[in-house]
Amino acid sequence: MTEETTTAVVTVQTSPARDNKYLALRTEVDALCLSITNMVVDSIGKVSLLTQDVNLGRKIRKEVEDLRKAKYTGPLDAIKADWMKQFALLTGPIDEAQKAAAKKLV
């Protein structure tokens, strides 16, 4: 078993409350939702506008998810994956030893 010693300092943004991109997206979301909610669809033109808003909603949702993954959950997911690998170095051999013991007891 090899031991690797690595120390890393990781900065993770924990709240989007002061993130300019998040705040800009929030403004877009608020305006979009207000537009869709208040729209009266009484003509072909309004159907077209509603369709544009729905498409814009898809685009904004993707931007929200991209931001969440890039600045918030993505870095934590990468760190967690590394931790899981490191702990598997301990639990894996135990699991194998227990399997070997079970075969001997059968």
Protein backbone atom coordinates (compact mmCIF):
# COMPACT_ATOMS: atom_id res chain seq x y z
CA MET A 1 0.00 0.00 0.00
CA THR A 2 1.48 3.34 -0.97
CA GLU A 3 0.82 6.47 0.98
CA GLU A 4 0.46 9.79 -0.73
CA THR A 5 0.63 12.97 1.27
CA THR A 6 -1.04 15.92 -0.34
CA THR A 7 -2.18 19.12 1.24
CA ALA A 8 -4.43 21.49 -0.61
CA VAL A 9 -6.22 24.63 0.31
CA VAL A 10 -9.54 24.89 -1.44
CA THR A 11 -11.74 27.94 -1.59
CA VAL A 12 -15.39 27.14 -2.08
CA GLN A 13 -18.03 29.78 -2.49
CA THR A 14 -20.74 28.84 -0.01
CA SER A 15 -23.46 31.33 -0.87
CA PRO A 16 -24.42 33.00 -4.11
CA ALA A 17 -25.88 36.01 -2.29
CA ARG A 18 -23.01 38.27 -3.41
CA ASP A 19 -22.18 36.57 -6.69
CA ASN A 20 -22.75 39.10 -9.49
CA LYS A 21 -23.62 36.42 -12.07
CA TYR A 22 -26.15 34.86 -9.68
CA LEU A 23 -27.71 38.23 -8.95
CA ALA A 24 -27.96 39.02 -12.67
CA LEU A 25 -29.61 35.66 -13.30
CA ARG A 26 -32.01 36.26 -10.43
CA THR A 27 -33.07 39.55 -12.02
CA GLU A 28 -33.62 37.78 -15.35
CA VAL A 29 -35.60 34.98 -13.69
CA ASP A 30 -37.82 37.43 -11.80
CA ALA A 31 -38.58 39.41 -14.96
CA LEU A 32 -39.19 36.29 -17.04
CA CYS A 33 -41.53 34.71 -14.49
CA LEU A 34 -43.46 37.95 -14.15
CA SER A 35 -43.79 38.21 -17.92
CA ILE A 36 -45.05 34.63 -18.29
CA THR A 37 -47.40 34.85 -15.31
CA ASN A 38 -48.98 38.12 -16.38
CA MET A 39 -49.20 37.39 -20.10
CA VAL A 40 -52.67 37.01 -21.55
CA VAL A 41 -52.46 34.79 -24.62
CA ASP A 42 -55.22 36.13 -26.83
CA SER A 43 -53.55 36.24 -30.24
CA ILE A 44 -51.00 34.51 -32.44
CA GLY A 45 -48.55 37.28 -31.57
CA LYS A 46 -48.90 36.50 -27.86
CA VAL A 47 -48.36 32.80 -28.55
CA SER A 48 -45.11 33.78 -30.25
CA LEU A 49 -44.09 35.95 -27.28
CA LEU A 50 -44.93 33.18 -24.82
CA THR A 51 -42.89 30.72 -26.88
CA GLN A 52 -39.95 33.13 -26.82
CA ASP A 53 -40.26 33.43 -23.04
CA VAL A 54 -40.38 29.65 -22.63
CA ASN A 55 -37.25 29.30 -24.76
CA LEU A 56 -35.54 32.06 -22.78
CA GLY A 57 -36.47 30.18 -19.60
CA ARG A 58 -34.68 27.09 -20.90
CA LYS A 59 -31.59 29.16 -21.71
CA ILE A 60 -31.57 30.86 -18.30
CA ARG A 61 -32.11 27.54 -16.51
CA LYS A 62 -29.04 26.13 -18.27
CA GLU A 63 -27.02 29.18 -17.22
CA VAL A 64 -28.18 28.71 -13.62
CA GLU A 65 -27.16 25.04 -13.65
CA ASP A 66 -23.80 25.84 -15.27
CA LEU A 67 -23.09 28.46 -12.58
CA ARG A 68 -24.14 26.10 -9.79
CA LYS A 69 -21.91 23.33 -11.06
CA ALA A 70 -18.92 25.53 -11.89
CA LYS A 71 -18.72 27.61 -8.71
CA TYR A 72 -20.62 25.71 -6.04
CA THR A 73 -21.29 21.98 -6.32
CA GLY A 74 -18.65 21.05 -8.91
CA PRO A 75 -15.61 21.78 -6.74
CA LEU A 76 -17.18 19.95 -3.79
CA ASP A 77 -18.06 16.96 -5.97
CA ALA A 78 -14.44 16.72 -7.15
CA ILE A 79 -13.14 16.89 -3.59
CA LYS A 80 -15.68 14.31 -2.42
CA ALA A 81 -14.67 11.93 -5.23
CA ASP A 82 -11.05 12.19 -4.13
CA TRP A 83 -11.99 11.55 -0.50
CA MET A 84 -14.00 8.49 -1.50
CA LYS A 85 -10.99 7.08 -3.37
CA GLN A 86 -8.73 7.72 -0.39
CA PHE A 87 -11.08 6.00 2.05
CA ALA A 88 -11.57 3.12 -0.38
CA LEU A 89 -7.87 2.39 0.14
CA LEU A 90 -8.84 1.52 3.71
CA THR A 91 -12.22 -0.11 3.23
CA GLY A 92 -11.32 -2.11 0.10
CA PRO A 93 -8.76 -4.35 1.82
CA ILE A 94 -11.15 -4.90 4.75
CA ASP A 95 -13.90 -5.96 2.35
CA GLU A 96 -11.55 -8.37 0.56
CA ALA A 97 -10.31 -9.83 3.85
CA GLN A 98 -13.89 -10.35 5.03
CA LYS A 99 -14.75 -12.13 1.76
CA ALA A 100 -11.75 -14.38 2.21
CA ALA A 101 -12.79 -15.11 5.80
CA ALA A 102 -16.36 -15.91 4.70
CA LYS A 103 -15.05 -18.43 2.14
CA LYS A 104 -13.01 -20.13 4.84
CA LEU A 105 -16.02 -20.46 7.12
CA VAL A 106 -18.29 -22.07 4.52
